[in-house]
ModelCIF file with pLDDT and N, C-alpha, C, O atoms, coordinates in Angstrom:
data_MODEL
#
_entry.id   MODEL 
#
_entity.id                         1 
_entity.type                       polymer 
_entity.pdbx_number_of_molecules   1 
#
_entity_poly.entity_id                      1 
_entity_poly.type                           'polypeptide(L)' 
_entity_poly.nstd_linkage                   no 
_entity_poly.nstd_monomer                   no 
_entity_poly.pdbx_seq_one_letter_code       RYAMNWYRQAPGKERELVAIIGSDGGSTNYGASVKGRFGISRDNTK 
_entity_poly.pdbx_seq_one_letter_code_can   RYAMNWYRQAPGKERELVAIIGSDGGSTNYGASVKGRFGISRDNTK 
_entity_poly.pdbx_strand_id                 A 
#
loop_
_entity_poly_seq.entity_id 
_entity_poly_seq.num 
_entity_poly_seq.mon_id 
_entity_poly_seq.hetero 
1 1  ARG n 
1 2  TYR n 
1 3  ALA n 
1 4  MET n 
1 5  ASN n 
1 6  TRP n 
1 7  TYR n 
1 8  ARG n 
1 9  GLN n 
1 10 ALA n 
1 11 PRO n 
1 12 GLY n 
1 13 LYS n 
1 14 GLU n 
1 15 ARG n 
1 16 GLU n 
1 17 LEU n 
1 18 VAL n 
1 19 ALA n 
1 20 ILE n 
1 21 ILE n 
1 22 GLY n 
1 23 SER n 
1 24 ASP n 
1 25 GLY n 
1 26 GLY n 
1 27 SER n 
1 28 THR n 
1 29 ASN n 
1 30 TYR n 
1 31 GLY n 
1 32 ALA n 
1 33 SER n 
1 34 VAL n 
1 35 LYS n 
1 36 GLY n 
1 37 ARG n 
1 38 PHE n 
1 39 GLY n 
1 40 ILE n 
1 41 SER n 
1 42 ARG n 
1 43 ASP n 
1 44 ASN n 
1 45 THR n 
1 46 LYS n 
#
_struct_asym.id          A 
_struct_asym.entity_id   1 
#
loop_
_ma_qa_metric.id 
_ma_qa_metric.mode 
_ma_qa_metric.name 
_ma_qa_metric.software_group_id 
_ma_qa_metric.type 
1 global pLDDT . pLDDT 
2 local  pLDDT . pLDDT 
#
_ma_qa_metric_global.metric_id      1 
_ma_qa_metric_global.metric_value   96.65 
_ma_qa_metric_global.model_id       1 
_ma_qa_metric_global.ordinal_id     1 
#
loop_
_ma_qa_metric_local.label_asym_id 
_ma_qa_metric_local.label_comp_id 
_ma_qa_metric_local.label_seq_id 
_ma_qa_metric_local.metric_id 
_ma_qa_metric_local.metric_value 
_ma_qa_metric_local.model_id 
_ma_qa_metric_local.ordinal_id 
A ARG 1  2 97.00 1 1  
A TYR 2  2 98.00 1 2  
A ALA 3  2 98.00 1 3  
A MET 4  2 98.00 1 4  
A ASN 5  2 98.00 1 5  
A TRP 6  2 98.00 1 6  
A TYR 7  2 98.00 1 7  
A ARG 8  2 98.00 1 8  
A GLN 9  2 98.00 1 9  
A ALA 10 2 96.00 1 10 
A PRO 11 2 91.00 1 11 
A GLY 12 2 94.00 1 12 
A LYS 13 2 96.00 1 13 
A GLU 14 2 96.00 1 14 
A ARG 15 2 96.00 1 15 
A GLU 16 2 97.00 1 16 
A LEU 17 2 97.00 1 17 
A VAL 18 2 98.00 1 18 
A ALA 19 2 98.00 1 19 
A ILE 20 2 98.00 1 20 
A ILE 21 2 98.00 1 21 
A GLY 22 2 97.00 1 22 
A SER 23 2 96.00 1 23 
A ASP 24 2 92.00 1 24 
A GLY 25 2 90.00 1 25 
A GLY 26 2 90.00 1 26 
A SER 27 2 96.00 1 27 
A THR 28 2 97.00 1 28 
A ASN 29 2 97.00 1 29 
A TYR 30 2 98.00 1 30 
A GLY 31 2 96.00 1 31 
A ALA 32 2 96.00 1 32 
A SER 33 2 95.00 1 33 
A VAL 34 2 97.00 1 34 
A LYS 35 2 97.00 1 35 
A GLY 36 2 97.00 1 36 
A ARG 37 2 98.00 1 37 
A PHE 38 2 98.00 1 38 
A GLY 39 2 98.00 1 39 
A ILE 40 2 98.00 1 40 
A SER 41 2 98.00 1 41 
A ARG 42 2 98.00 1 42 
A ASP 43 2 98.00 1 43 
A ASN 44 2 98.00 1 44 
A THR 45 2 97.00 1 45 
A LYS 46 2 98.00 1 46 
#
loop_
_atom_site.group_PDB 
_atom_site.id 
_atom_site.type_symbol 
_atom_site.label_atom_id 
_atom_site.label_alt_id 
_atom_site.label_comp_id 
_atom_site.label_asym_id 
_atom_site.label_entity_id 
_atom_site.label_seq_id 
_atom_site.pdbx_PDB_ins_code 
_atom_site.Cartn_x 
_atom_site.Cartn_y 
_atom_site.Cartn_z 
_atom_site.occupancy 
_atom_site.B_iso_or_equiv 
_atom_site.pdbx_formal_charge 
_atom_site.auth_seq_id 
_atom_site.auth_comp_id 
_atom_site.auth_asym_id 
_atom_site.auth_atom_id 
_atom_site.pdbx_PDB_model_num 
ATOM 1   N N  . ARG A 1 1  ? 75.763 -20.145 -46.806 1.00 97.00 ? 1  ARG A N  1 
ATOM 2   C CA . ARG A 1 1  ? 76.806 -19.198 -47.211 1.00 97.00 ? 1  ARG A CA 1 
ATOM 3   C C  . ARG A 1 1  ? 76.268 -17.804 -47.541 1.00 97.00 ? 1  ARG A C  1 
ATOM 4   O O  . ARG A 1 1  ? 77.046 -16.879 -47.773 1.00 97.00 ? 1  ARG A O  1 
ATOM 5   N N  . TYR A 1 2  ? 74.944 -17.650 -47.563 1.00 98.00 ? 2  TYR A N  1 
ATOM 6   C CA . TYR A 1 2  ? 74.394 -16.397 -48.072 1.00 98.00 ? 2  TYR A CA 1 
ATOM 7   C C  . TYR A 1 2  ? 73.474 -15.701 -47.079 1.00 98.00 ? 2  TYR A C  1 
ATOM 8   O O  . TYR A 1 2  ? 72.701 -16.333 -46.359 1.00 98.00 ? 2  TYR A O  1 
ATOM 9   N N  . ALA A 1 3  ? 73.586 -14.375 -47.069 1.00 98.00 ? 3  ALA A N  1 
ATOM 10  C CA . ALA A 1 3  ? 72.593 -13.578 -46.364 1.00 98.00 ? 3  ALA A CA 1 
ATOM 11  C C  . ALA A 1 3  ? 71.238 -13.750 -47.048 1.00 98.00 ? 3  ALA A C  1 
ATOM 12  O O  . ALA A 1 3  ? 71.155 -14.026 -48.245 1.00 98.00 ? 3  ALA A O  1 
ATOM 13  N N  . MET A 1 4  ? 70.202 -13.581 -46.269 1.00 98.00 ? 4  MET A N  1 
ATOM 14  C CA . MET A 1 4  ? 68.839 -13.698 -46.786 1.00 98.00 ? 4  MET A CA 1 
ATOM 15  C C  . MET A 1 4  ? 68.040 -12.462 -46.378 1.00 98.00 ? 4  MET A C  1 
ATOM 16  O O  . MET A 1 4  ? 68.299 -11.853 -45.340 1.00 98.00 ? 4  MET A O  1 
ATOM 17  N N  . ASN A 1 5  ? 67.081 -12.110 -47.197 1.00 98.00 ? 5  ASN A N  1 
ATOM 18  C CA . ASN A 1 5  ? 66.327 -10.884 -46.988 1.00 98.00 ? 5  ASN A CA 1 
ATOM 19  C C  . ASN A 1 5  ? 64.829 -11.138 -47.144 1.00 98.00 ? 5  ASN A C  1 
ATOM 20  O O  . ASN A 1 5  ? 64.398 -12.044 -47.857 1.00 98.00 ? 5  ASN A O  1 
ATOM 21  N N  . TRP A 1 6  ? 64.065 -10.319 -46.461 1.00 98.00 ? 6  TRP A N  1 
ATOM 22  C CA . TRP A 1 6  ? 62.615 -10.235 -46.694 1.00 98.00 ? 6  TRP A CA 1 
ATOM 23  C C  . TRP A 1 6  ? 62.300 -8.826  -47.197 1.00 98.00 ? 6  TRP A C  1 
ATOM 24  O O  . TRP A 1 6  ? 62.770 -7.829  -46.650 1.00 98.00 ? 6  TRP A O  1 
ATOM 25  N N  . TYR A 1 7  ? 61.505 -8.779  -48.236 1.00 98.00 ? 7  TYR A N  1 
ATOM 26  C CA . TYR A 1 7  ? 60.984 -7.529  -48.777 1.00 98.00 ? 7  TYR A CA 1 
ATOM 27  C C  . TYR A 1 7  ? 59.467 -7.597  -48.753 1.00 98.00 ? 7  TYR A C  1 
ATOM 28  O O  . TYR A 1 7  ? 58.883 -8.663  -48.556 1.00 98.00 ? 7  TYR A O  1 
ATOM 29  N N  . ARG A 1 8  ? 58.840 -6.459  -48.953 1.00 98.00 ? 8  ARG A N  1 
ATOM 30  C CA . ARG A 1 8  ? 57.389 -6.422  -49.115 1.00 98.00 ? 8  ARG A CA 1 
ATOM 31  C C  . ARG A 1 8  ? 57.018 -5.352  -50.125 1.00 98.00 ? 8  ARG A C  1 
ATOM 32  O O  . ARG A 1 8  ? 57.751 -4.388  -50.348 1.00 98.00 ? 8  ARG A O  1 
ATOM 33  N N  . GLN A 1 9  ? 55.860 -5.554  -50.724 1.00 98.00 ? 9  GLN A N  1 
ATOM 34  C CA . GLN A 1 9  ? 55.348 -4.567  -51.677 1.00 98.00 ? 9  GLN A CA 1 
ATOM 35  C C  . GLN A 1 9  ? 53.853 -4.428  -51.494 1.00 98.00 ? 9  GLN A C  1 
ATOM 36  O O  . GLN A 1 9  ? 53.095 -5.384  -51.660 1.00 98.00 ? 9  GLN A O  1 
ATOM 37  N N  . ALA A 1 10 ? 53.446 -3.226  -51.149 1.00 96.00 ? 10 ALA A N  1 
ATOM 38  C CA . ALA A 1 10 ? 52.031 -2.905  -51.001 1.00 96.00 ? 10 ALA A CA 1 
ATOM 39  C C  . ALA A 1 10 ? 51.511 -2.373  -52.326 1.00 96.00 ? 10 ALA A C  1 
ATOM 40  O O  . ALA A 1 10 ? 52.288 -1.878  -53.142 1.00 96.00 ? 10 ALA A O  1 
ATOM 41  N N  . PRO A 1 11 ? 50.199 -2.470  -52.551 1.00 91.00 ? 11 PRO A N  1 
ATOM 42  C CA . PRO A 1 11 ? 49.632 -1.981  -53.820 1.00 91.00 ? 11 PRO A CA 1 
ATOM 43  C C  . PRO A 1 11 ? 49.986 -0.522  -54.073 1.00 91.00 ? 11 PRO A C  1 
ATOM 44  O O  . PRO A 1 11 ? 49.794 0.329   -53.205 1.00 91.00 ? 11 PRO A O  1 
ATOM 45  N N  . GLY A 1 12 ? 50.494 -0.239  -55.246 1.00 94.00 ? 12 GLY A N  1 
ATOM 46  C CA . GLY A 1 12 ? 50.811 1.126   -55.614 1.00 94.00 ? 12 GLY A CA 1 
ATOM 47  C C  . GLY A 1 12 ? 52.087 1.678   -55.023 1.00 94.00 ? 12 GLY A C  1 
ATOM 48  O O  . GLY A 1 12 ? 52.401 2.855   -55.198 1.00 94.00 ? 12 GLY A O  1 
ATOM 49  N N  . LYS A 1 13 ? 52.834 0.824   -54.315 1.00 96.00 ? 13 LYS A N  1 
ATOM 50  C CA . LYS A 1 13 ? 54.070 1.282   -53.679 1.00 96.00 ? 13 LYS A CA 1 
ATOM 51  C C  . LYS A 1 13 ? 55.257 0.464   -54.202 1.00 96.00 ? 13 LYS A C  1 
ATOM 52  O O  . LYS A 1 13 ? 55.097 -0.615  -54.773 1.00 96.00 ? 13 LYS A O  1 
ATOM 53  N N  . GLU A 1 14 ? 56.446 1.018   -53.983 1.00 96.00 ? 14 GLU A N  1 
ATOM 54  C CA . GLU A 1 14 ? 57.662 0.313   -54.375 1.00 96.00 ? 14 GLU A CA 1 
ATOM 55  C C  . GLU A 1 14 ? 57.977 -0.810  -53.386 1.00 96.00 ? 14 GLU A C  1 
ATOM 56  O O  . GLU A 1 14 ? 57.545 -0.795  -52.233 1.00 96.00 ? 14 GLU A O  1 
ATOM 57  N N  . ARG A 1 15 ? 58.743 -1.781  -53.880 1.00 96.00 ? 15 ARG A N  1 
ATOM 58  C CA . ARG A 1 15 ? 59.168 -2.866  -53.001 1.00 96.00 ? 15 ARG A CA 1 
ATOM 59  C C  . ARG A 1 15 ? 60.087 -2.301  -51.919 1.00 96.00 ? 15 ARG A C  1 
ATOM 60  O O  . ARG A 1 15 ? 60.961 -1.480  -52.196 1.00 96.00 ? 15 ARG A O  1 
ATOM 61  N N  . GLU A 1 16 ? 59.876 -2.753  -50.691 1.00 97.00 ? 16 GLU A N  1 
ATOM 62  C CA . GLU A 1 16 ? 60.541 -2.191  -49.511 1.00 97.00 ? 16 GLU A CA 1 
ATOM 63  C C  . GLU A 1 16 ? 61.301 -3.299  -48.780 1.00 97.00 ? 16 GLU A C  1 
ATOM 64  O O  . GLU A 1 16 ? 60.774 -4.391  -48.572 1.00 97.00 ? 16 GLU A O  1 
ATOM 65  N N  . LEU A 1 17 ? 62.546 -3.004  -48.392 1.00 97.00 ? 17 LEU A N  1 
ATOM 66  C CA . LEU A 1 17 ? 63.316 -3.959  -47.604 1.00 97.00 ? 17 LEU A CA 1 
ATOM 67  C C  . LEU A 1 17 ? 62.772 -4.008  -46.178 1.00 97.00 ? 17 LEU A C  1 
ATOM 68  O O  . LEU A 1 17 ? 62.638 -2.978  -45.518 1.00 97.00 ? 17 LEU A O  1 
ATOM 69  N N  . VAL A 1 18 ? 62.460 -5.218  -45.713 1.00 98.00 ? 18 VAL A N  1 
ATOM 70  C CA . VAL A 1 18 ? 61.896 -5.401  -44.377 1.00 98.00 ? 18 VAL A CA 1 
ATOM 71  C C  . VAL A 1 18 ? 62.969 -5.836  -43.382 1.00 98.00 ? 18 VAL A C  1 
ATOM 72  O O  . VAL A 1 18 ? 63.092 -5.260  -42.301 1.00 98.00 ? 18 VAL A O  1 
ATOM 73  N N  . ALA A 1 19 ? 63.748 -6.860  -43.754 1.00 98.00 ? 19 ALA A N  1 
ATOM 74  C CA . ALA A 1 19 ? 64.719 -7.409  -42.811 1.00 98.00 ? 19 ALA A CA 1 
ATOM 75  C C  . ALA A 1 19 ? 65.811 -8.160  -43.559 1.00 98.00 ? 19 ALA A C  1 
ATOM 76  O O  . ALA A 1 19 ? 65.608 -8.686  -44.654 1.00 98.00 ? 19 ALA A O  1 
ATOM 77  N N  . ILE A 1 20 ? 66.976 -8.186  -42.923 1.00 98.00 ? 20 ILE A N  1 
ATOM 78  C CA . ILE A 1 20 ? 68.166 -8.859  -43.472 1.00 98.00 ? 20 ILE A CA 1 
ATOM 79  C C  . ILE A 1 20 ? 68.748 -9.735  -42.377 1.00 98.00 ? 20 ILE A C  1 
ATOM 80  O O  . ILE A 1 20 ? 68.738 -9.359  -41.205 1.00 98.00 ? 20 ILE A O  1 
ATOM 81  N N  . ILE A 1 21 ? 69.254 -10.898 -42.753 1.00 98.00 ? 21 ILE A N  1 
ATOM 82  C CA . ILE A 1 21 ? 69.962 -11.742 -41.799 1.00 98.00 ? 21 ILE A CA 1 
ATOM 83  C C  . ILE A 1 21 ? 71.236 -12.271 -42.453 1.00 98.00 ? 21 ILE A C  1 
ATOM 84  O O  . ILE A 1 21 ? 71.227 -12.703 -43.606 1.00 98.00 ? 21 ILE A O  1 
ATOM 85  N N  . GLY A 1 22 ? 72.330 -12.229 -41.693 1.00 97.00 ? 22 GLY A N  1 
ATOM 86  C CA . GLY A 1 22 ? 73.598 -12.717 -42.195 1.00 97.00 ? 22 GLY A CA 1 
ATOM 87  C C  . GLY A 1 22 ? 73.610 -14.225 -42.382 1.00 97.00 ? 22 GLY A C  1 
ATOM 88  O O  . GLY A 1 22 ? 72.700 -14.930 -41.947 1.00 97.00 ? 22 GLY A O  1 
ATOM 89  N N  . SER A 1 23 ? 74.651 -14.700 -43.035 1.00 96.00 ? 23 SER A N  1 
ATOM 90  C CA . SER A 1 23 ? 74.688 -16.108 -43.424 1.00 96.00 ? 23 SER A CA 1 
ATOM 91  C C  . SER A 1 23 ? 74.644 -17.069 -42.231 1.00 96.00 ? 23 SER A C  1 
ATOM 92  O O  . SER A 1 23 ? 74.097 -18.167 -42.332 1.00 96.00 ? 23 SER A O  1 
ATOM 93  N N  . ASP A 1 24 ? 75.221 -16.652 -41.110 1.00 92.00 ? 24 ASP A N  1 
ATOM 94  C CA . ASP A 1 24 ? 75.206 -17.529 -39.932 1.00 92.00 ? 24 ASP A CA 1 
ATOM 95  C C  . ASP A 1 24 ? 74.142 -17.132 -38.920 1.00 92.00 ? 24 ASP A C  1 
ATOM 96  O O  . ASP A 1 24 ? 74.057 -17.717 -37.840 1.00 92.00 ? 24 ASP A O  1 
ATOM 97  N N  . GLY A 1 25 ? 73.341 -16.154 -39.264 1.00 90.00 ? 25 GLY A N  1 
ATOM 98  C CA . GLY A 1 25 ? 72.276 -15.709 -38.380 1.00 90.00 ? 25 GLY A CA 1 
ATOM 99  C C  . GLY A 1 25 ? 72.727 -14.761 -37.289 1.00 90.00 ? 25 GLY A C  1 
ATOM 100 O O  . GLY A 1 25 ? 71.923 -14.326 -36.463 1.00 90.00 ? 25 GLY A O  1 
ATOM 101 N N  . GLY A 1 26 ? 74.011 -14.439 -37.284 1.00 90.00 ? 26 GLY A N  1 
ATOM 102 C CA . GLY A 1 26 ? 74.541 -13.627 -36.201 1.00 90.00 ? 26 GLY A CA 1 
ATOM 103 C C  . GLY A 1 26 ? 74.276 -12.145 -36.316 1.00 90.00 ? 26 GLY A C  1 
ATOM 104 O O  . GLY A 1 26 ? 74.408 -11.413 -35.334 1.00 90.00 ? 26 GLY A O  1 
ATOM 105 N N  . SER A 1 27 ? 73.905 -11.691 -37.493 1.00 96.00 ? 27 SER A N  1 
ATOM 106 C CA . SER A 1 27 ? 73.628 -10.261 -37.678 1.00 96.00 ? 27 SER A CA 1 
ATOM 107 C C  . SER A 1 27 ? 72.285 -10.092 -38.361 1.00 96.00 ? 27 SER A C  1 
ATOM 108 O O  . SER A 1 27 ? 71.935 -10.830 -39.282 1.00 96.00 ? 27 SER A O  1 
ATOM 109 N N  . THR A 1 28 ? 71.545 -9.110  -37.891 1.00 97.00 ? 28 THR A N  1 
ATOM 110 C CA . THR A 1 28 ? 70.239 -8.808  -38.466 1.00 97.00 ? 28 THR A CA 1 
ATOM 111 C C  . THR A 1 28 ? 70.083 -7.302  -38.577 1.00 97.00 ? 28 THR A C  1 
ATOM 112 O O  . THR A 1 28 ? 70.740 -6.537  -37.871 1.00 97.00 ? 28 THR A O  1 
ATOM 113 N N  . ASN A 1 29 ? 69.209 -6.896  -39.469 1.00 97.00 ? 29 ASN A N  1 
ATOM 114 C CA . ASN A 1 29 ? 68.889 -5.481  -39.602 1.00 97.00 ? 29 ASN A CA 1 
ATOM 115 C C  . ASN A 1 29 ? 67.462 -5.373  -40.101 1.00 97.00 ? 29 ASN A C  1 
ATOM 116 O O  . ASN A 1 29 ? 66.962 -6.268  -40.782 1.00 97.00 ? 29 ASN A O  1 
ATOM 117 N N  . TYR A 1 30 ? 66.801 -4.256  -39.753 1.00 98.00 ? 30 TYR A N  1 
ATOM 118 C CA . TYR A 1 30 ? 65.383 -4.110  -40.037 1.00 98.00 ? 30 TYR A CA 1 
ATOM 119 C C  . TYR A 1 30 ? 65.078 -2.738  -40.615 1.00 98.00 ? 30 TYR A C  1 
ATOM 120 O O  . TYR A 1 30 ? 65.767 -1.753  -40.351 1.00 98.00 ? 30 TYR A O  1 
ATOM 121 N N  . GLY A 1 31 ? 64.023 -2.714  -41.411 1.00 96.00 ? 31 GLY A N  1 
ATOM 122 C CA . GLY A 1 31 ? 63.504 -1.440  -41.855 1.00 96.00 ? 31 GLY A CA 1 
ATOM 123 C C  . GLY A 1 31 ? 62.899 -0.677  -40.687 1.00 96.00 ? 31 GLY A C  1 
ATOM 124 O O  . GLY A 1 31 ? 62.418 -1.275  -39.725 1.00 96.00 ? 31 GLY A O  1 
ATOM 125 N N  . ALA A 1 32 ? 62.926 0.626   -40.776 1.00 96.00 ? 32 ALA A N  1 
ATOM 126 C CA . ALA A 1 32 ? 62.474 1.464   -39.660 1.00 96.00 ? 32 ALA A CA 1 
ATOM 127 C C  . ALA A 1 32 ? 61.020 1.197   -39.295 1.00 96.00 ? 32 ALA A C  1 
ATOM 128 O O  . ALA A 1 32 ? 60.647 1.274   -38.124 1.00 96.00 ? 32 ALA A O  1 
ATOM 129 N N  . SER A 1 33 ? 60.205 0.885   -40.283 1.00 95.00 ? 33 SER A N  1 
ATOM 130 C CA . SER A 1 33 ? 58.767 0.729   -40.027 1.00 95.00 ? 33 SER A CA 1 
ATOM 131 C C  . SER A 1 33 ? 58.432 -0.565  -39.289 1.00 95.00 ? 33 SER A C  1 
ATOM 132 O O  . SER A 1 33 ? 57.324 -0.700  -38.769 1.00 95.00 ? 33 SER A O  1 
ATOM 133 N N  . VAL A 1 34 ? 59.359 -1.514  -39.232 1.00 97.00 ? 34 VAL A N  1 
ATOM 134 C CA . VAL A 1 34 ? 59.061 -2.796  -38.585 1.00 97.00 ? 34 VAL A CA 1 
ATOM 135 C C  . VAL A 1 34 ? 59.957 -3.074  -37.382 1.00 97.00 ? 34 VAL A C  1 
ATOM 136 O O  . VAL A 1 34 ? 59.745 -4.049  -36.662 1.00 97.00 ? 34 VAL A O  1 
ATOM 137 N N  . LYS A 1 35 ? 60.944 -2.234  -37.165 1.00 97.00 ? 35 LYS A N  1 
ATOM 138 C CA . LYS A 1 35 ? 61.896 -2.473  -36.074 1.00 97.00 ? 35 LYS A CA 1 
ATOM 139 C C  . LYS A 1 35 ? 61.170 -2.542  -34.735 1.00 97.00 ? 35 LYS A C  1 
ATOM 140 O O  . LYS A 1 35 ? 60.344 -1.685  -34.423 1.00 97.00 ? 35 LYS A O  1 
ATOM 141 N N  . GLY A 1 36 ? 61.481 -3.557  -33.957 1.00 97.00 ? 36 GLY A N  1 
ATOM 142 C CA . GLY A 1 36 ? 60.840 -3.746  -32.663 1.00 97.00 ? 36 GLY A CA 1 
ATOM 143 C C  . GLY A 1 36 ? 59.589 -4.595  -32.719 1.00 97.00 ? 36 GLY A C  1 
ATOM 144 O O  . GLY A 1 36 ? 59.089 -5.027  -31.681 1.00 97.00 ? 36 GLY A O  1 
ATOM 145 N N  . ARG A 1 37 ? 59.070 -4.846  -33.923 1.00 98.00 ? 37 ARG A N  1 
ATOM 146 C CA . ARG A 1 37 ? 57.861 -5.657  -34.070 1.00 98.00 ? 37 ARG A CA 1 
ATOM 147 C C  . ARG A 1 37 ? 58.122 -6.957  -34.832 1.00 98.00 ? 37 ARG A C  1 
ATOM 148 O O  . ARG A 1 37 ? 57.468 -7.969  -34.579 1.00 98.00 ? 37 ARG A O  1 
ATOM 149 N N  . PHE A 1 38 ? 59.062 -6.930  -35.748 1.00 98.00 ? 38 PHE A N  1 
ATOM 150 C CA . PHE A 1 38 ? 59.363 -8.102  -36.580 1.00 98.00 ? 38 PHE A CA 1 
ATOM 151 C C  . PHE A 1 38 ? 60.701 -8.694  -36.168 1.00 98.00 ? 38 PHE A C  1 
ATOM 152 O O  . PHE A 1 38 ? 61.586 -7.983  -35.693 1.00 98.00 ? 38 PHE A O  1 
ATOM 153 N N  . GLY A 1 39 ? 60.841 -10.008 -36.355 1.00 98.00 ? 39 GLY A N  1 
ATOM 154 C CA . GLY A 1 39 ? 62.103 -10.684 -36.090 1.00 98.00 ? 39 GLY A CA 1 
ATOM 155 C C  . GLY A 1 39 ? 62.430 -11.651 -37.210 1.00 98.00 ? 39 GLY A C  1 
ATOM 156 O O  . GLY A 1 39 ? 61.596 -12.471 -37.593 1.00 98.00 ? 39 GLY A O  1 
ATOM 157 N N  . ILE A 1 40 ? 63.642 -11.556 -37.736 1.00 98.00 ? 40 ILE A N  1 
ATOM 158 C CA . ILE A 1 40 ? 64.089 -12.476 -38.783 1.00 98.00 ? 40 ILE A CA 1 
ATOM 159 C C  . ILE A 1 40 ? 65.014 -13.506 -38.159 1.00 98.00 ? 40 ILE A C  1 
ATOM 160 O O  . ILE A 1 40 ? 65.821 -13.180 -37.288 1.00 98.00 ? 40 ILE A O  1 
ATOM 161 N N  . SER A 1 41 ? 64.897 -14.740 -38.601 1.00 98.00 ? 41 SER A N  1 
ATOM 162 C CA . SER A 1 41 ? 65.755 -15.819 -38.119 1.00 98.00 ? 41 SER A CA 1 
ATOM 163 C C  . SER A 1 41 ? 65.942 -16.834 -39.240 1.00 98.00 ? 41 SER A C  1 
ATOM 164 O O  . SER A 1 41 ? 65.268 -16.774 -40.268 1.00 98.00 ? 41 SER A O  1 
ATOM 165 N N  . ARG A 1 42 ? 66.863 -17.761 -39.025 1.00 98.00 ? 42 ARG A N  1 
ATOM 166 C CA . ARG A 1 42 ? 67.097 -18.780 -40.046 1.00 98.00 ? 42 ARG A CA 1 
ATOM 167 C C  . ARG A 1 42 ? 67.524 -20.077 -39.381 1.00 98.00 ? 42 ARG A C  1 
ATOM 168 O O  . ARG A 1 42 ? 68.069 -20.090 -38.277 1.00 98.00 ? 42 ARG A O  1 
ATOM 169 N N  . ASP A 1 43 ? 67.261 -21.160 -40.083 1.00 98.00 ? 43 ASP A N  1 
ATOM 170 C CA . ASP A 1 43 ? 67.704 -22.482 -39.652 1.00 98.00 ? 43 ASP A CA 1 
ATOM 171 C C  . ASP A 1 43 ? 68.507 -23.071 -40.811 1.00 98.00 ? 43 ASP A C  1 
ATOM 172 O O  . ASP A 1 43 ? 67.936 -23.529 -41.801 1.00 98.00 ? 43 ASP A O  1 
ATOM 173 N N  . ASN A 1 44 ? 69.823 -23.055 -40.683 1.00 98.00 ? 44 ASN A N  1 
ATOM 174 C CA . ASN A 1 44 ? 70.667 -23.519 -41.773 1.00 98.00 ? 44 ASN A CA 1 
ATOM 175 C C  . ASN A 1 44 ? 70.626 -25.042 -41.941 1.00 98.00 ? 44 ASN A C  1 
ATOM 176 O O  . ASN A 1 44 ? 71.102 -25.566 -42.948 1.00 98.00 ? 44 ASN A O  1 
ATOM 177 N N  . THR A 1 45 ? 70.066 -25.747 -40.969 1.00 97.00 ? 45 THR A N  1 
ATOM 178 C CA . THR A 1 45 ? 69.900 -27.196 -41.132 1.00 97.00 ? 45 THR A CA 1 
ATOM 179 C C  . THR A 1 45 ? 68.659 -27.510 -41.973 1.00 97.00 ? 45 THR A C  1 
ATOM 180 O O  . THR A 1 45 ? 68.536 -28.599 -42.534 1.00 97.00 ? 45 THR A O  1 
ATOM 181 N N  . LYS A 1 46 ? 67.752 -26.550 -42.050 1.00 98.00 ? 46 LYS A N  1 
ATOM 182 C CA . LYS A 1 46 ? 66.516 -26.745 -42.809 1.00 98.00 ? 46 LYS A CA 1 
ATOM 183 C C  . LYS A 1 46 ? 66.452 -25.869 -44.056 1.00 98.00 ? 46 LYS A C  1 
ATOM 184 O O  . LYS A 1 46 ? 65.472 -25.922 -44.799 1.00 98.00 ? 46 LYS A O  1 
#
């Protein structure tokens, strides 16, 4: 039922949003620095 997110935090830097995925996996969005290189996915059965 819930969207899920990945964030990251490098030393000395603020926490940064990396990727978002909707509850059914049908929508995704990425931070500019990782777009085209990272992929978010989910398995709602697991």
